[in-house]
PDB file of N, CA and C in Angstrom:
ATOM      1  N   UNK A   1      78.873  96.016 110.329  1.00  0.00           N
ATOM      2  CA  UNK A   1      80.253  95.690 110.648  1.00  0.00           C
ATOM      3  C   UNK A   1      80.861  96.837 111.456  1.00  0.00           C
ATOM      4  N   UNK A   2      81.667  96.475 112.420  1.00  0.00           N
ATOM      5  CA  UNK A   2      82.339  97.472 113.254  1.00  0.00           C
ATOM      6  C   UNK A   2      83.475  98.139 112.483  1.00  0.00           C
ATOM      7  N   UNK A   3      83.819  99.337 112.913  1.00  0.00           N
ATOM      8  CA  UNK A   3      84.953 100.039 112.315  1.00  0.00           C
ATOM      9  C   UNK A   3      86.243  99.274 112.594  1.00  0.00           C
ATOM     10  N   UNK A   4      87.235  99.486 111.763  1.00  0.00           N
ATOM     11  CA  UNK A   4      88.558  98.886 111.935  1.00  0.00           C
ATOM     12  C   UNK A   4      89.121  99.258 113.307  1.00  0.00           C
ATOM     13  N   UNK A   5      89.771  98.308 113.935  1.00  0.00           N
ATOM     14  CA  UNK A   5      90.351  98.546 115.258  1.00  0.00           C
ATOM     15  C   UNK A   5      91.472  99.581 115.227  1.00  0.00           C
ATOM     16  N   UNK A   6      92.067  99.800 114.054  1.00  0.00           N
ATOM     17  CA  UNK A   6      93.155 100.771 113.925  1.00  0.00           C
ATOM     18  C   UNK A   6      92.660 102.173 113.576  1.00  0.00           C
ATOM     19  N   UNK A   7      91.382 102.314 113.297  1.00  0.00           N
ATOM     20  CA  UNK A   7      90.833 103.591 112.832  1.00  0.00           C
ATOM     21  C   UNK A   7      91.193 104.785 113.726  1.00  0.00           C
ATOM     22  N   UNK A   8      91.085 104.684 115.048  1.00  0.00           N
ATOM     23  CA  UNK A   8      91.385 105.852 115.886  1.00  0.00           C
ATOM     24  C   UNK A   8      92.838 106.326 115.802  1.00  0.00           C
ATOM     25  N   UNK A   9      93.762 105.418 115.454  1.00  0.00           N
ATOM     26  CA  UNK A   9      95.182 105.768 115.408  1.00  0.00           C
ATOM     27  C   UNK A   9      95.777 105.727 114.006  1.00  0.00           C
ATOM     28  N   UNK A  10      94.961 105.504 113.004  1.00  0.00           N
ATOM     29  CA  UNK A  10      95.446 105.376 111.631  1.00  0.00           C
ATOM     30  C   UNK A  10      95.896 106.738 111.095  1.00  0.00           C
ATOM     31  N   UNK A  11      97.157 106.829 110.693  1.00  0.00           N
ATOM     32  CA  UNK A  11      97.698 108.083 110.173  1.00  0.00           C
ATOM     33  C   UNK A  11      96.965 108.578 108.944  1.00  0.00           C
ATOM     34  N   UNK A  12      96.591 107.663 108.057  1.00  0.00           N
ATOM     35  CA  UNK A  12      95.864 108.044 106.843  1.00  0.00           C
ATOM     36  C   UNK A  12      94.496 108.616 107.210  1.00  0.00           C
ATOM     37  N   UNK A  13      93.786 107.926 108.069  1.00  0.00           N
ATOM     38  CA  UNK A  13      92.441 108.382 108.448  1.00  0.00           C
ATOM     39  C   UNK A  13      92.497 109.698 109.209  1.00  0.00           C
ATOM     40  N   UNK A  14      93.469 109.848 110.080  1.00  0.00           N
ATOM     41  CA  UNK A  14      93.611 111.110 110.808  1.00  0.00           C
ATOM     42  C   UNK A  14      93.901 112.261 109.848  1.00  0.00           C
ATOM     43  N   UNK A  15      94.809 112.023 108.917  1.00  0.00           N
ATOM     44  CA  UNK A  15      95.228 113.082 107.997  1.00  0.00           C
ATOM     45  C   UNK A  15      94.117 113.468 107.025  1.00  0.00           C
ATOM     46  N   UNK A  16      93.358 112.485 106.559  1.00  0.00           N
ATOM     47  CA  UNK A  16      92.379 112.736 105.499  1.00  0.00           C
ATOM     48  C   UNK A  16      90.920 112.634 105.962  1.00  0.00           C
ATOM     49  N   UNK A  17      90.677 112.559 107.248  1.00  0.00           N
ATOM     50  CA  UNK A  17      89.313 112.386 107.765  1.00  0.00           C
ATOM     51  C   UNK A  17      88.353 113.487 107.320  1.00  0.00           C
ATOM     52  N   UNK A  18      88.840 114.689 107.173  1.00  0.00           N
ATOM     53  CA  UNK A  18      87.965 115.812 106.827  1.00  0.00           C
ATOM     54  C   UNK A  18      88.074 116.236 105.372  1.00  0.00           C
ATOM     55  N   UNK A  19      88.675 115.406 104.547  1.00  0.00           N
ATOM     56  CA  UNK A  19      88.839 115.755 103.140  1.00  0.00           C
ATOM     57  C   UNK A  19      87.493 115.802 102.424  1.00  0.00           C
ATOM     58  N   UNK A  20      87.442 116.604 101.399  1.00  0.00           N
ATOM     59  CA  UNK A  20      86.248 116.653 100.548  1.00  0.00           C
ATOM     60  C   UNK A  20      86.430 115.759  99.323  1.00  0.00           C
ATOM     61  N   UNK A  21      87.610 115.155  99.185  1.00  0.00           N
ATOM     62  CA  UNK A  21      87.915 114.271  98.067  1.00  0.00           C
ATOM     63  C   UNK A  21      87.059 113.004  98.190  1.00  0.00           C
ATOM     64  N   UNK A  22      86.140 112.837  97.251  1.00  0.00           N
ATOM     65  CA  UNK A  22      85.208 111.707  97.323  1.00  0.00           C
ATOM     66  C   UNK A  22      85.887 110.352  97.183  1.00  0.00           C
ATOM     67  N   UNK A  23      86.968 110.291  96.428  1.00  0.00           N
ATOM     68  CA  UNK A  23      87.693 109.025  96.269  1.00  0.00           C
ATOM     69  C   UNK A  23      88.297 108.603  97.607  1.00  0.00           C
ATOM     70  N   UNK A  24      88.946 109.523  98.278  1.00  0.00           N
ATOM     71  CA  UNK A  24      89.556 109.223  99.574  1.00  0.00           C
ATOM     72  C   UNK A  24      88.480 108.850 100.590  1.00  0.00           C
ATOM     73  N   UNK A  25      87.394 109.568 100.601  1.00  0.00           N
ATOM     74  CA  UNK A  25      86.297 109.245 101.512  1.00  0.00           C
ATOM     75  C   UNK A  25      85.743 107.851 101.212  1.00  0.00           C
ATOM     76  N   UNK A  26      85.710 107.488  99.939  1.00  0.00           N
ATOM     77  CA  UNK A  26      85.259 106.155  99.555  1.00  0.00           C
ATOM     78  C   UNK A  26      86.189 105.067 100.067  1.00  0.00           C
ATOM     79  N   UNK A  27      87.514 105.312  99.983  1.00  0.00           N
ATOM     80  CA  UNK A  27      88.480 104.342 100.502  1.00  0.00           C
ATOM     81  C   UNK A  27      88.278 104.149 102.002  1.00  0.00           C
ATOM     82  N   UNK A  28      88.109 105.240 102.735  1.00  0.00           N
ATOM     83  CA  UNK A  28      87.908 105.143 104.181  1.00  0.00           C
ATOM     84  C   UNK A  28      86.625 104.370 104.484  1.00  0.00           C
ATOM     85  N   UNK A  29      85.586 104.645 103.742  1.00  0.00           N
ATOM     86  CA  UNK A  29      84.320 103.947 103.948  1.00  0.00           C
ATOM     87  C   UNK A  29      84.439 102.453 103.639  1.00  0.00           C
ATOM     88  N   UNK A  30      85.065 102.123 102.513  1.00  0.00           N
ATOM     89  CA  UNK A  30      85.185 100.716 102.092  1.00  0.00           C
ATOM     90  C   UNK A  30      86.125  99.903 102.967  1.00  0.00           C
ATOM     91  N   UNK A  31      87.298 100.457 103.248  1.00  0.00           N
ATOM     92  CA  UNK A  31      88.328  99.685 103.943  1.00  0.00           C
ATOM     93  C   UNK A  31      88.279  99.820 105.464  1.00  0.00           C
ATOM     94  N   UNK A  32      87.851 100.952 105.963  1.00  0.00           N
ATOM     95  CA  UNK A  32      87.935 101.207 107.404  1.00  0.00           C
ATOM     96  C   UNK A  32      86.620 100.993 108.142  1.00  0.00           C
ATOM     97  N   UNK A  33      85.524 101.040 107.396  1.00  0.00           N
ATOM     98  CA  UNK A  33      84.214 100.955 108.036  1.00  0.00           C
ATOM     99  C   UNK A  33      83.326  99.914 107.377  1.00  0.00           C
ATOM    100  N   UNK A  34      83.935  98.979 106.653  1.00  0.00           N
ATOM    101  CA  UNK A  34      83.129  98.038 105.886  1.00  0.00           C
ATOM    102  C   UNK A  34      83.855  96.712 105.714  1.00  0.00           C
ATOM    103  N   UNK A  35      83.419  95.954 104.736  1.00  0.00           N
ATOM    104  CA  UNK A  35      83.850  94.570 104.552  1.00  0.00           C
ATOM    105  C   UNK A  35      85.284  94.379 104.063  1.00  0.00           C
ATOM    106  N   UNK A  36      85.939  95.398 103.535  1.00  0.00           N
ATOM    107  CA  UNK A  36      87.282  95.213 102.983  1.00  0.00           C
ATOM    108  C   UNK A  36      88.397  95.386 104.018  1.00  0.00           C
ATOM    109  N   UNK A  37      88.056  95.423 105.283  1.00  0.00           N
ATOM    110  CA  UNK A  37      89.074  95.623 106.315  1.00  0.00           C
ATOM    111  C   UNK A  37      90.199  94.604 106.226  1.00  0.00           C
ATOM    112  N   UNK A  38      89.880  93.374 105.899  1.00  0.00           N
ATOM    113  CA  UNK A  38      90.901  92.322 105.820  1.00  0.00           C
ATOM    114  C   UNK A  38      91.824  92.498 104.618  1.00  0.00           C
ATOM    115  N   UNK A  39      91.461  93.362 103.675  1.00  0.00           N
ATOM    116  CA  UNK A  39      92.274  93.602 102.483  1.00  0.00           C
ATOM    117  C   UNK A  39      93.126  94.867 102.595  1.00  0.00           C
ATOM    118  N   UNK A  40      93.101  95.522 103.740  1.00  0.00           N
ATOM    119  CA  UNK A  40      93.809  96.789 103.924  1.00  0.00           C
ATOM    120  C   UNK A  40      95.326  96.589 103.851  1.00  0.00           C
ATOM    121  N   UNK A  41      95.952  97.258 102.917  1.00  0.00           N
ATOM    122  CA  UNK A  41      97.406  97.159 102.736  1.00  0.00           C
ATOM    123  C   UNK A  41      98.150  97.885 103.853  1.00  0.00           C
ATOM    124  N   UNK A  42      97.509  98.829 104.498  1.00  0.00           N
ATOM    125  CA  UNK A  42      98.134  99.509 105.640  1.00  0.00           C
ATOM    126  C   UNK A  42      98.319  98.521 106.799  1.00  0.00           C
ATOM    127  N   UNK A  43      97.314  97.684 107.039  1.00  0.00           N
ATOM    128  CA  UNK A  43      97.427  96.648 108.078  1.00  0.00           C
ATOM    129  C   UNK A  43      98.544  95.670 107.729  1.00  0.00           C
ATOM    130  N   UNK A  44      98.573  95.259 106.466  1.00  0.00           N
ATOM    131  CA  UNK A  44      99.600  94.322 105.999  1.00  0.00           C
ATOM    132  C   UNK A  44     100.994  94.918 106.186  1.00  0.00           C
ATOM    133  N   UNK A  45     101.152  96.180 105.833  1.00  0.00           N
ATOM    134  CA  UNK A  45     102.437  96.873 105.991  1.00  0.00           C
ATOM    135  C   UNK A  45     102.860  96.860 107.463  1.00  0.00           C
ATOM    136  N   UNK A  46     101.937  97.183 108.351  1.00  0.00           N
ATOM    137  CA  UNK A  46     102.256  97.232 109.783  1.00  0.00           C
ATOM    138  C   UNK A  46     102.664  95.861 110.310  1.00  0.00           C
ATOM    139  N   UNK A  47     101.970  94.811 109.872  1.00  0.00           N
ATOM    140  CA  UNK A  47     102.336  93.447 110.291  1.00  0.00           C
ATOM    141  C   UNK A  47     103.725  93.079 109.784  1.00  0.00           C
ATOM    142  N   UNK A  48     104.016  93.426 108.545  1.00  0.00           N
ATOM    143  CA  UNK A  48     105.284  93.059 107.920  1.00  0.00           C
ATOM    144  C   UNK A  48     106.464  93.848 108.476  1.00  0.00           C
ATOM    145  N   UNK A  49     106.282  95.155 108.663  1.00  0.00           N
ATOM    146  CA  UNK A  49     107.385  96.033 109.047  1.00  0.00           C
ATOM    147  C   UNK A  49     107.446  96.353 110.539  1.00  0.00           C
ATOM    148  N   UNK A  50     106.400  96.009 111.267  1.00  0.00           N
ATOM    149  CA  UNK A  50     106.388  96.282 112.698  1.00  0.00           C
ATOM    150  C   UNK A  50     106.218  97.749 113.043  1.00  0.00           C
ATOM    151  N   UNK A  51     105.860  98.542 112.066  1.00  0.00           N
ATOM    152  CA  UNK A  51     105.663  99.980 112.259  1.00  0.00           C
ATOM    153  C   UNK A  51     104.560 100.444 111.316  1.00  0.00           C
ATOM    154  N   UNK A  52     103.911 101.533 111.653  1.00  0.00           N
ATOM    155  CA  UNK A  52     102.850 102.020 110.771  1.00  0.00           C
ATOM    156  C   UNK A  52     103.401 102.489 109.427  1.00  0.00           C
ATOM    157  N   UNK A  53     102.605 102.382 108.386  1.00  0.00           N
ATOM    158  CA  UNK A  53     103.030 102.866 107.072  1.00  0.00           C
ATOM    159  C   UNK A  53     102.988 104.390 107.026  1.00  0.00           C
ATOM    160  N   UNK A  54     103.535 104.973 105.958  1.00  0.00           N
ATOM    161  CA  UNK A  54     103.450 106.431 105.808  1.00  0.00           C
ATOM    162  C   UNK A  54     101.983 106.878 105.801  1.00  0.00           C
ATOM    163  N   UNK A  55     101.723 108.046 106.340  1.00  0.00           N
ATOM    164  CA  UNK A  55     100.350 108.560 106.405  1.00  0.00           C
ATOM    165  C   UNK A  55      99.709 108.683 105.032  1.00  0.00           C
ATOM    166  N   UNK A  56     100.501 108.881 104.002  1.00  0.00           N
ATOM    167  CA  UNK A  56      99.968 109.062 102.651  1.00  0.00           C
ATOM    168  C   UNK A  56      99.701 107.752 101.912  1.00  0.00           C
ATOM    169  N   UNK A  57      99.939 106.625 102.567  1.00  0.00           N
ATOM    170  CA  UNK A  57      99.628 105.336 101.949  1.00  0.00           C
ATOM    171  C   UNK A  57      98.149 105.031 102.153  1.00  0.00           C
ATOM    172  N   UNK A  58      97.423 104.848 101.057  1.00  0.00           N
ATOM    173  CA  UNK A  58      95.993 104.555 101.127  1.00  0.00           C
ATOM    174  C   UNK A  58      95.779 103.092 101.517  1.00  0.00           C
ATOM    175  N   UNK A  59      94.599 102.728 101.966  1.00  0.00           N
ATOM    176  CA  UNK A  59      94.315 101.329 102.307  1.00  0.00           C
ATOM    177  C   UNK A  59      94.524 100.374 101.134  1.00  0.00           C
ATOM    178  N   UNK A  60      94.482 100.896  99.915  1.00  0.00           N
ATOM    179  CA  UNK A  60      94.704 100.067  98.729  1.00  0.00           C
ATOM    180  C   UNK A  60      96.187  99.803  98.489  1.00  0.00           C
ATOM    181  N   UNK A  61      97.048 100.534  99.200  1.00  0.00           N
ATOM    182  CA  UNK A  61      98.488 100.398  99.028  1.00  0.00           C
ATOM    183  C   UNK A  61      99.097 101.485  98.165  1.00  0.00           C
ATOM    184  N   UNK A  62      98.269 102.216  97.446  1.00  0.00           N
ATOM    185  CA  UNK A  62      98.768 103.311  96.614  1.00  0.00           C
ATOM    186  C   UNK A  62      99.106 104.502  97.500  1.00  0.00           C
ATOM    187  N   UNK A  63     100.005 105.349  96.997  1.00  0.00           N
ATOM    188  CA  UNK A  63     100.382 106.551  97.728  1.00  0.00           C
ATOM    189  C   UNK A  63      99.602 107.747  97.197  1.00  0.00           C
ATOM    190  N   UNK A  64      99.202 108.615  98.100  1.00  0.00           N
ATOM    191  CA  UNK A  64      98.559 109.868  97.702  1.00  0.00           C
ATOM    192  C   UNK A  64      99.601 110.724  96.993  1.00  0.00           C
ATOM    193  N   UNK A  65      99.139 111.501  96.058  1.00  0.00           N
ATOM    194  CA  UNK A  65     100.083 112.368  95.328  1.00  0.00           C
ATOM    195  C   UNK A  65     100.037 113.765  95.863  1.00  0.00           C
TER     196      UNK A  65
END
């Protein structure tokens, strides 16, 4: 499967791309580079609000602490 079309400009991916946090890396792998792309809450937020979500919003919809 191809990477998400938003990956190059995704605030979350840009901010956390080099993290050592395995959970965050797992979210990027599952939602941005795999089959769960259609379930990404960041995409849903952008469609609904017409603007990108906060950079700290994970693809699952939860906020980073």
